[in-house]
Protein backbone atom coordinates (compact mmCIF):
# COMPACT_ATOMS: atom_id res chain seq x y z
CA MET A 1 75.05 132.40 117.00
CA ALA A 2 73.85 129.18 115.40
CA ARG A 3 74.32 128.96 111.66
CA ARG A 4 71.64 127.60 109.38
CA PRO A 5 73.02 124.71 107.32
CA GLY A 6 73.20 125.07 103.56
CA THR A 7 70.15 122.93 102.93
CA PRO A 8 68.38 122.84 99.57
CA ARG A 9 65.47 124.72 101.14
CA LEU A 10 67.71 127.53 102.37
CA LEU A 11 69.37 127.81 98.98
CA ARG A 12 65.96 128.03 97.31
CA GLU A 13 64.94 130.79 99.72
CA LEU A 14 68.11 132.77 98.98
CA ASN A 15 67.71 132.32 95.23
CA ASP A 16 64.05 133.31 95.32
CA ARG A 17 64.77 136.46 97.31
CA ALA A 18 67.68 137.42 95.05
CA ALA A 19 65.46 137.07 91.99
CA LEU A 20 62.63 139.08 93.53
CA ASP A 21 64.95 141.89 94.58
CA LEU A 22 66.45 141.89 91.09
CA LEU A 23 63.03 142.16 89.47
CA VAL A 24 62.07 145.05 91.78
CA GLU A 25 65.27 146.93 91.00
CA GLN A 26 65.54 146.32 87.26
CA GLY A 27 62.00 145.70 86.09
CA PRO A 28 60.77 142.95 83.76
CA LEU A 29 63.45 140.36 82.91
CA THR A 30 63.56 137.13 80.98
CA ARG A 31 64.48 133.80 82.51
CA ALA A 32 67.87 133.99 80.81
CA GLN A 33 68.52 137.51 82.14
CA ILE A 34 67.65 136.44 85.67
CA GLY A 35 70.08 133.55 85.28
CA GLU A 36 72.83 135.87 84.02
CA HIS A 37 72.44 138.31 86.93
CA THR A 38 72.18 135.64 89.63
CA GLY A 39 74.49 133.02 88.22
CA LEU A 40 71.72 130.40 88.20
CA SER A 41 71.37 127.76 85.53
CA LYS A 42 68.42 127.82 83.12
CA VAL A 43 66.85 124.86 84.90
CA THR A 44 67.21 126.45 88.34
CA ALA A 45 65.90 129.81 87.07
CA SER A 46 62.87 128.07 85.53
CA GLN A 47 62.12 126.23 88.77
CA LEU A 48 62.50 129.45 90.70
CA LEU A 49 60.07 131.34 88.49
CA SER A 50 57.54 128.52 88.71
CA ARG A 51 57.65 128.68 92.52
CA LEU A 52 57.22 132.45 92.52
CA GLU A 53 54.35 132.26 90.03
CA ASP A 54 52.61 129.67 92.23
CA ARG A 55 52.93 132.05 95.18
CA GLY A 56 51.44 134.90 93.16
CA LEU A 57 54.59 137.01 93.44
CA VAL A 58 55.60 137.16 89.77
CA SER A 59 53.78 136.95 86.47
CA VAL A 60 54.49 137.13 82.76
CA VAL A 61 54.00 140.71 81.57
CA GLY A 62 55.17 140.48 77.97
CA GLU A 63 57.69 139.03 75.56
CA GLN A 64 61.14 139.95 74.36
CA ALA A 65 62.08 139.24 70.78
CA GLY A 66 65.40 137.51 70.37
CA GLY A 67 67.23 135.64 67.67
CA ARG A 68 66.05 132.33 66.39
CA GLY A 69 63.27 130.53 68.16
CA PRO A 70 60.26 131.77 70.10
CA ASN A 71 60.19 135.06 71.97
CA ALA A 72 61.28 134.94 75.62
CA ALA A 73 58.68 135.63 78.32
CA LEU A 74 59.26 138.72 80.48
CA TYR A 75 58.62 138.31 84.19
CA ALA A 76 57.86 141.04 86.75
CA VAL A 77 56.86 141.25 90.39
CA VAL A 78 53.07 141.42 90.83
CA PRO A 79 52.50 144.96 92.21
CA SER A 80 49.34 144.00 94.11
CA SER A 81 51.03 141.23 96.09
CA ALA A 82 51.36 143.74 98.97
CA TYR A 83 50.94 147.41 99.82
CA VAL A 84 52.48 149.66 102.46
CA ALA A 85 51.73 153.04 104.00
CA GLY A 86 54.13 155.81 104.92
CA LEU A 87 53.16 158.93 106.87
CA GLU A 88 54.61 162.26 107.91
CA VAL A 89 53.09 163.72 111.07
CA GLY A 90 53.36 167.45 111.66
CA PRO A 91 51.60 170.19 113.63
CA ASP A 92 49.60 171.29 110.58
CA GLY A 93 48.48 167.89 109.38
CA VAL A 94 49.34 164.34 108.42
CA THR A 95 50.50 163.35 104.94
CA ALA A 96 49.98 159.70 104.03
CA GLY A 97 51.11 157.73 101.03
CA VAL A 98 50.36 154.22 99.80
CA ALA A 99 52.80 152.25 97.64
CA ASP A 100 52.64 148.81 96.09
CA ILE A 101 55.36 146.22 96.68
CA THR A 102 57.37 147.49 93.69
CA GLY A 103 57.62 150.95 95.26
CA HIS A 104 55.15 152.70 92.95
CA ILE A 105 53.25 155.34 94.95
CA THR A 106 49.58 154.83 94.17
CA ALA A 107 48.17 157.64 96.35
CA GLN A 108 49.26 160.57 98.50
CA VAL A 109 46.93 162.69 100.63
CA THR A 110 47.17 165.27 103.41
CA VAL A 111 44.67 165.45 106.26
CA ASP A 112 44.06 168.58 108.30
CA PRO A 113 43.63 167.63 111.98
CA ASN A 114 40.86 170.26 112.27
CA GLY A 115 41.81 171.02 115.82
CA THR A 116 41.54 167.45 117.07
CA ALA A 117 43.98 166.51 119.83
CA GLU A 118 43.68 162.78 119.13
CA PRO A 119 46.75 161.60 117.17
CA VAL A 120 45.44 158.07 116.55
CA LYS A 121 42.25 159.36 114.93
CA THR A 122 44.19 161.79 112.76
CA VAL A 123 46.54 159.06 111.54
CA HIS A 124 43.63 156.66 111.01
CA ASP A 125 41.72 159.22 108.96
CA ALA A 126 44.78 159.91 106.79
CA VAL A 127 45.40 156.21 106.14
CA VAL A 128 41.75 155.57 105.27
CA LYS A 129 41.70 158.54 102.90
CA ALA A 130 44.91 157.39 101.20
CA CYS A 131 43.57 153.83 100.83
CA ARG A 132 40.38 155.12 99.27
CA SER A 133 42.36 157.22 96.82
CA ALA A 134 44.55 154.23 95.93
CA LYS A 135 41.52 151.90 95.79
CA VAL A 136 43.28 149.57 98.22
CA ALA A 137 41.63 147.98 101.25
CA LEU A 138 43.25 148.90 104.54
CA SER A 139 43.56 145.18 105.28
CA LYS A 140 45.93 144.86 102.29
CA LEU A 141 48.55 147.09 103.94
CA SER A 142 51.48 145.01 105.18
CA ALA A 143 53.45 147.69 107.04
CA PHE A 144 53.18 151.26 108.32
CA VAL A 145 56.12 153.59 108.95
CA ILE A 146 55.38 156.99 110.48
CA GLY A 147 57.75 159.95 110.53
CA SER A 148 57.51 162.03 113.69
CA PRO A 149 59.44 165.06 114.91
CA GLY A 150 61.17 164.73 118.26
CA VAL A 151 62.78 161.84 120.08
CA VAL A 152 61.86 158.21 119.43
CA ASP A 153 63.05 155.66 121.99
CA PRO A 154 65.22 153.10 120.14
CA GLN A 155 64.36 150.46 122.75
CA SER A 156 60.56 150.65 122.74
CA GLY A 157 60.06 152.39 119.38
CA ASP A 158 57.72 154.84 121.09
CA VAL A 159 57.74 158.64 120.98
CA GLN A 160 59.32 160.26 124.03
CA PHE A 161 58.47 163.83 123.14
CA ALA A 162 57.80 166.00 120.12
CA PHE A 163 58.36 169.70 120.72
CA ASP A 164 55.41 171.03 118.71
CA LEU A 165 53.15 167.95 118.98
CA PRO A 166 52.21 167.75 122.68
CA THR A 167 49.71 164.91 122.13
CA TRP A 168 52.26 162.82 120.23
CA HIS A 169 53.83 161.09 123.24
CA GLU A 170 54.64 157.77 124.86
CA GLY A 171 51.81 155.28 124.40
CA VAL A 172 50.95 156.40 120.87
CA LEU A 173 52.70 153.40 119.27
CA ALA A 174 50.63 150.82 121.15
CA ALA A 175 47.44 152.75 120.42
CA LEU A 176 48.25 152.89 116.70
CA LYS A 177 49.01 149.16 116.53
CA THR A 178 45.70 148.43 118.21
CA ASP A 179 43.80 150.75 115.90
CA LEU A 180 45.42 149.75 112.61
CA ARG A 181 45.90 146.06 113.48
CA ARG A 182 49.12 145.98 111.51
CA PRO A 183 52.86 146.33 112.23
CA VAL A 184 53.61 150.01 112.90
CA THR A 185 57.00 151.69 113.18
CA ILE A 186 57.55 155.26 114.34
CA GLU A 187 60.81 156.88 113.24
CA ASN A 188 62.28 160.34 113.65
CA ASP A 189 61.33 162.37 110.59
CA VAL A 190 64.86 163.59 109.84
CA ASN A 191 66.13 160.00 110.01
CA LEU A 192 63.58 159.11 107.35
CA ALA A 193 64.77 162.02 105.22
CA ALA A 194 68.28 160.56 105.46
CA ILE A 195 66.99 157.13 104.43
CA ALA A 196 65.38 158.73 101.38
CA GLU A 197 68.58 160.64 100.60
CA ARG A 198 70.61 157.44 100.56
CA ALA A 199 68.01 155.60 98.50
CA TYR A 200 67.17 158.32 95.97
CA GLY A 201 69.31 161.40 96.48
CA ALA A 202 72.71 163.00 96.97
CA ALA A 203 73.96 160.28 99.35
CA SER A 204 73.20 157.32 97.10
CA ASP A 205 76.87 156.35 96.97
CA ALA A 206 77.71 157.17 100.59
CA ASP A 207 77.81 154.79 103.54
CA ASP A 208 78.85 157.66 105.84
CA PHE A 209 77.10 161.03 105.71
CA ALA A 210 75.21 163.57 107.80
CA LEU A 211 71.94 165.19 106.79
CA MET A 212 71.09 168.55 108.29
CA TRP A 213 67.43 169.53 108.18
CA PHE A 214 66.43 173.21 108.08
CA ASP A 215 62.71 173.87 107.98
CA ARG A 216 60.22 175.06 110.61
CA GLY A 217 62.74 173.44 112.96
CA MET A 218 66.15 171.90 112.52
CA GLY A 219 67.54 168.44 112.99
CA LEU A 220 70.40 166.14 112.17
CA SER A 221 70.60 162.55 111.01
CA VAL A 222 73.85 160.61 110.89
CA MET A 223 74.44 157.45 108.90
CA LEU A 224 77.64 155.52 109.59
CA GLY A 225 78.49 152.35 107.72
CA GLY A 226 75.07 152.49 106.10
CA ARG A 227 73.31 152.42 109.51
CA LEU A 228 71.46 155.20 111.29
CA HIS A 229 73.01 156.37 114.54
CA ARG A 230 70.17 156.98 117.00
CA GLY A 231 72.04 157.23 120.31
CA ARG A 232 71.36 155.43 123.58
CA TRP A 233 68.08 157.24 124.24
CA GLY A 234 67.18 158.21 120.68
CA GLY A 235 68.36 161.78 121.17
CA ALA A 236 71.17 161.74 118.61
CA GLY A 237 70.57 164.51 116.10
CA GLU A 238 68.68 166.97 118.30
CA ILE A 239 71.12 169.59 117.09
CA GLY A 240 68.78 172.47 117.80
CA TYR A 241 70.01 172.29 121.40
CA LEU A 242 73.69 172.58 120.45
CA PRO A 243 75.37 175.42 122.42
CA VAL A 244 76.83 177.91 119.94
CA PRO A 245 78.35 181.41 120.08
CA GLY A 246 75.84 184.23 119.89
CA ALA A 247 72.92 182.31 121.40
CA PRO A 248 71.85 181.68 125.01
CA LEU A 249 72.23 178.18 126.41
CA PRO A 250 69.19 175.92 125.84
CA VAL A 251 68.40 175.62 129.54
CA GLY A 252 65.53 173.22 130.30
CA ALA A 253 66.28 170.67 127.61
CA ALA A 254 68.20 168.21 129.78
CA ARG A 255 67.04 164.63 130.04
CA ARG A 256 66.10 163.45 133.52
CA GLY A 257 67.55 160.06 134.32
CA PRO A 258 66.84 157.38 136.92
CA LYS A 259 69.23 159.01 139.40
CA ASP A 260 67.25 162.23 139.48
CA GLU A 261 64.99 162.69 142.47
CA GLY A 262 61.43 161.54 141.92
CA VAL A 263 62.11 160.04 138.50
CA THR A 264 61.20 156.40 138.10
CA GLU A 265 61.15 156.11 134.31
CA SER A 266 64.69 155.91 132.96
CA ARG A 267 63.78 157.58 129.69
CA SER A 268 61.76 160.48 131.07
CA TRP A 269 62.50 163.82 129.45
CA GLY A 270 62.17 167.33 130.77
CA ILE A 271 60.17 169.99 128.94
CA PRO A 272 62.30 171.11 125.98
CA THR A 273 62.81 174.64 124.78
CA LEU A 274 64.28 176.07 121.62
CA SER A 275 64.75 179.57 123.05
CA GLY A 276 68.52 179.01 123.09
CA GLY A 277 71.24 177.05 121.36
CA TYR A 278 71.73 176.48 117.64
CA GLY A 279 67.99 176.62 117.02
CA ALA A 280 67.90 180.24 118.13
CA LEU A 281 70.24 181.15 115.26
CA VAL A 282 69.04 179.00 112.36
CA GLY A 283 65.36 178.39 113.12
CA ALA A 284 62.83 179.78 110.65
CA ASP A 285 62.00 182.84 112.77
CA ALA A 286 65.67 183.72 113.21
CA VAL A 287 66.39 183.28 109.50
CA ARG A 288 63.48 185.52 108.51
CA GLU A 289 64.59 188.19 110.98
CA LEU A 290 68.15 188.02 109.66
CA ALA A 291 66.93 188.37 106.07
CA HIS A 292 64.77 191.36 106.85
CA GLY A 293 67.76 192.98 108.52
CA HIS A 294 69.61 192.64 105.19
CA GLY A 295 66.72 194.13 103.24
CA ILE A 296 65.52 190.79 101.87
CA ALA A 297 61.73 190.94 102.05
CA GLY A 298 59.64 187.81 102.29
CA GLU A 299 56.67 186.56 104.23
CA THR A 300 58.42 183.33 105.23
CA ALA A 301 61.99 182.24 105.80
CA TYR A 302 61.70 180.07 102.71
CA ASP A 303 60.70 183.07 100.60
CA CYS A 304 63.66 185.06 101.93
CA VAL A 305 66.26 182.35 101.32
CA SER A 306 64.87 181.58 97.85
CA ALA A 307 65.01 185.24 96.86
CA ALA A 308 68.58 185.62 98.11
CA ALA A 309 69.80 182.48 96.33
CA ALA A 310 68.16 183.62 93.09
CA ASP A 311 69.83 187.05 93.24
CA GLU A 312 73.25 186.78 94.90
CA ASP A 313 74.18 190.34 94.01
CA ARG A 314 71.36 191.52 96.25
CA GLY A 315 71.23 188.63 98.73
CA GLY A 316 74.90 187.69 99.00
CA ALA A 317 75.54 189.40 102.33
CA PHE A 318 72.53 187.68 103.89
CA LEU A 319 73.64 184.29 102.54
CA ASP A 320 77.15 184.92 103.90
CA GLU A 321 75.86 185.50 107.40
CA LEU A 322 73.36 182.64 107.22
CA ALA A 323 76.11 180.29 106.02
CA ASN A 324 78.30 181.43 108.90
CA ARG A 325 75.53 180.59 111.38
CA ILE A 326 74.82 177.20 109.82
CA SER A 327 78.54 176.41 109.75
CA TYR A 328 78.57 176.25 113.57
CA GLY A 329 76.54 173.08 113.43
CA VAL A 330 78.24 171.63 110.36
CA THR A 331 81.65 172.27 111.91
CA SER A 332 80.70 170.49 115.13
CA VAL A 333 79.40 167.48 113.22
CA ASN A 334 82.48 167.38 111.00
CA ILE A 335 84.99 167.59 113.83
CA VAL A 336 83.32 164.83 115.85
CA LEU A 337 82.29 162.45 113.05
CA ASP A 338 84.18 163.40 109.85
CA PRO A 339 81.32 162.08 107.70
CA GLY A 340 82.84 163.25 104.41
CA LEU A 341 79.44 164.38 103.12
CA VAL A 342 76.90 166.77 104.64
CA VAL A 343 73.54 167.11 102.89
CA LEU A 344 71.37 170.22 103.38
CA SER A 345 67.70 169.28 103.40
CA GLY A 346 64.36 170.66 104.52
CA SER A 347 62.66 173.55 102.77
CA LEU A 348 65.34 176.09 103.77
CA GLY A 349 68.23 173.83 102.77
CA ARG A 350 66.58 173.24 99.40
CA ALA A 351 65.84 176.96 98.97
CA GLY A 352 69.45 177.97 99.61
CA GLY A 353 70.70 175.52 96.98
CA ARG A 354 74.28 175.61 95.78
CA PRO A 355 74.83 179.30 96.64
CA LEU A 356 74.31 178.50 100.32
CA ALA A 357 75.97 175.08 100.28
CA ALA A 358 79.13 176.41 98.61
CA ARG A 359 79.49 179.14 101.23
CA ILE A 360 79.09 176.65 104.09
CA GLU A 361 81.64 174.28 102.54
CA ARG A 362 84.23 177.07 102.26
CA ILE A 363 83.71 178.24 105.84
CA VAL A 364 83.89 174.75 107.34
CA GLY A 365 86.94 173.92 105.24
CA ARG A 366 88.80 176.90 106.72
CA ILE A 367 88.22 175.98 110.36
CA THR A 368 88.24 172.17 110.51
CA PRO A 369 91.02 169.63 109.84
CA THR A 370 88.99 168.00 107.07
CA ARG A 371 86.73 169.58 104.47
CA PRO A 372 83.44 167.77 103.92
CA THR A 373 81.47 168.00 100.71
CA VAL A 374 78.33 170.04 101.39
CA ALA A 375 75.56 169.02 99.00
CA VAL A 376 71.92 169.96 98.52
CA THR A 377 69.21 167.33 98.77
CA GLU A 378 68.31 165.63 95.50
CA VAL A 379 65.22 163.78 96.76
CA GLU A 380 62.15 164.71 94.76
CA GLY A 381 58.87 165.32 96.54
CA ASN A 382 58.39 164.92 100.28
CA PRO A 383 61.63 163.39 101.66
CA VAL A 384 60.11 162.28 104.98
CA LEU A 385 57.22 160.53 103.26
CA ARG A 386 59.52 158.92 100.70
CA GLY A 387 61.80 157.70 103.48
CA ALA A 388 58.82 156.30 105.37
CA LEU A 389 57.56 154.44 102.31
CA TYR A 390 61.04 153.09 101.56
CA ALA A 391 61.44 151.80 105.12
CA ALA A 392 57.96 150.26 105.03
CA LEU A 393 58.77 148.54 101.74
CA GLN A 394 61.88 146.93 103.20
CA LYS A 395 59.79 145.51 106.03
CA ALA A 396 57.03 144.31 103.72
CA ARG A 397 59.44 142.67 101.29
CA ASP A 398 61.17 140.83 104.11
CA ASP A 399 57.78 139.44 105.07
CA VAL A 400 56.10 138.88 101.70
CA PHE A 401 59.22 137.68 99.88
CA SER A 402 60.21 135.23 102.61
CA ALA A 403 59.52 131.53 102.13
CA ASP A 404 56.85 131.70 104.83
CA GLY A 405 55.30 134.91 103.50
CA ALA A 406 53.02 133.34 100.96
CA SER A 407 49.36 133.76 101.70
């Protein structure tokens, strides 16, 4: 790989980007503070700030009183220099958020699909509604990241299948790019939850961890060395299909490859089913049925798990059995990957809290060579949406903060 020489222009680019990232992370800073954090001289820091002001990326937002002499100007990134959109797509609707380049979320809305089978229209309507709420023109959005259930092809970036979104399939990515006329990325929703967990939650200090998602469905995201592991075909983490004791095999979920008769597309998938495997034991329906069998009443699985965690004297036996079921998946992940940290997320993981996490940690520690820490998500709000916005911000900053990104 050819190396770029250490030219003055390259050094300016690196210094500018370091200063912008610093201002995003730490807020308004003086010229002297920027110099202290970056190691730049006062002259170089002044030249840097002048360049960024000329590009409309930073501005003076106040003053800081010091010792003798005039007050020092405080500089901050201009929030309106770019905006991004993040979305979570689900069977009951699309949630969209808009954030400015600093990461401040200016609007969040949810759109009911109202029975429409057209995914592009539903996404478009959600984005338009969010932009109106944020008072931001759609043309000002620099990047879109969309969280989708199911398998996303790591080669093409397109959706291969989503179990409960039959219209969300291959070809959607191109249609969305055409409709929105902006860069669009589709990512598995649980992967985005893991990105949010590392940015804002329980995995903020972890380069290696696994996030297990328990909600209307279940999923797994693995981060190794600070990078998501997607697998060759994007199927890494579809843990609902894991064969486990006490559940039938998930027959019908196998991927068809190019060697299979009549198959010409190398990434063609068969029709999935969650009637067997791990999903049959820890899916929402199974959890609610288990709770009712222990006398824990609740309309939803979330209600049942919340009630049990709040009253362990009454719900302890149910939590014990639920933890035992969940431990099948956690044990498998721990034996193969030894991530050190497993985070429980999704509405059921959050509802179980420490009472559930502690039980799982004890069980896994008894039957595996290593004992992972089992933590509960610490991400506030919608983790998929927050992960989508975070990923979109990284893309937008790479573009807007680059030397060629000035408009």
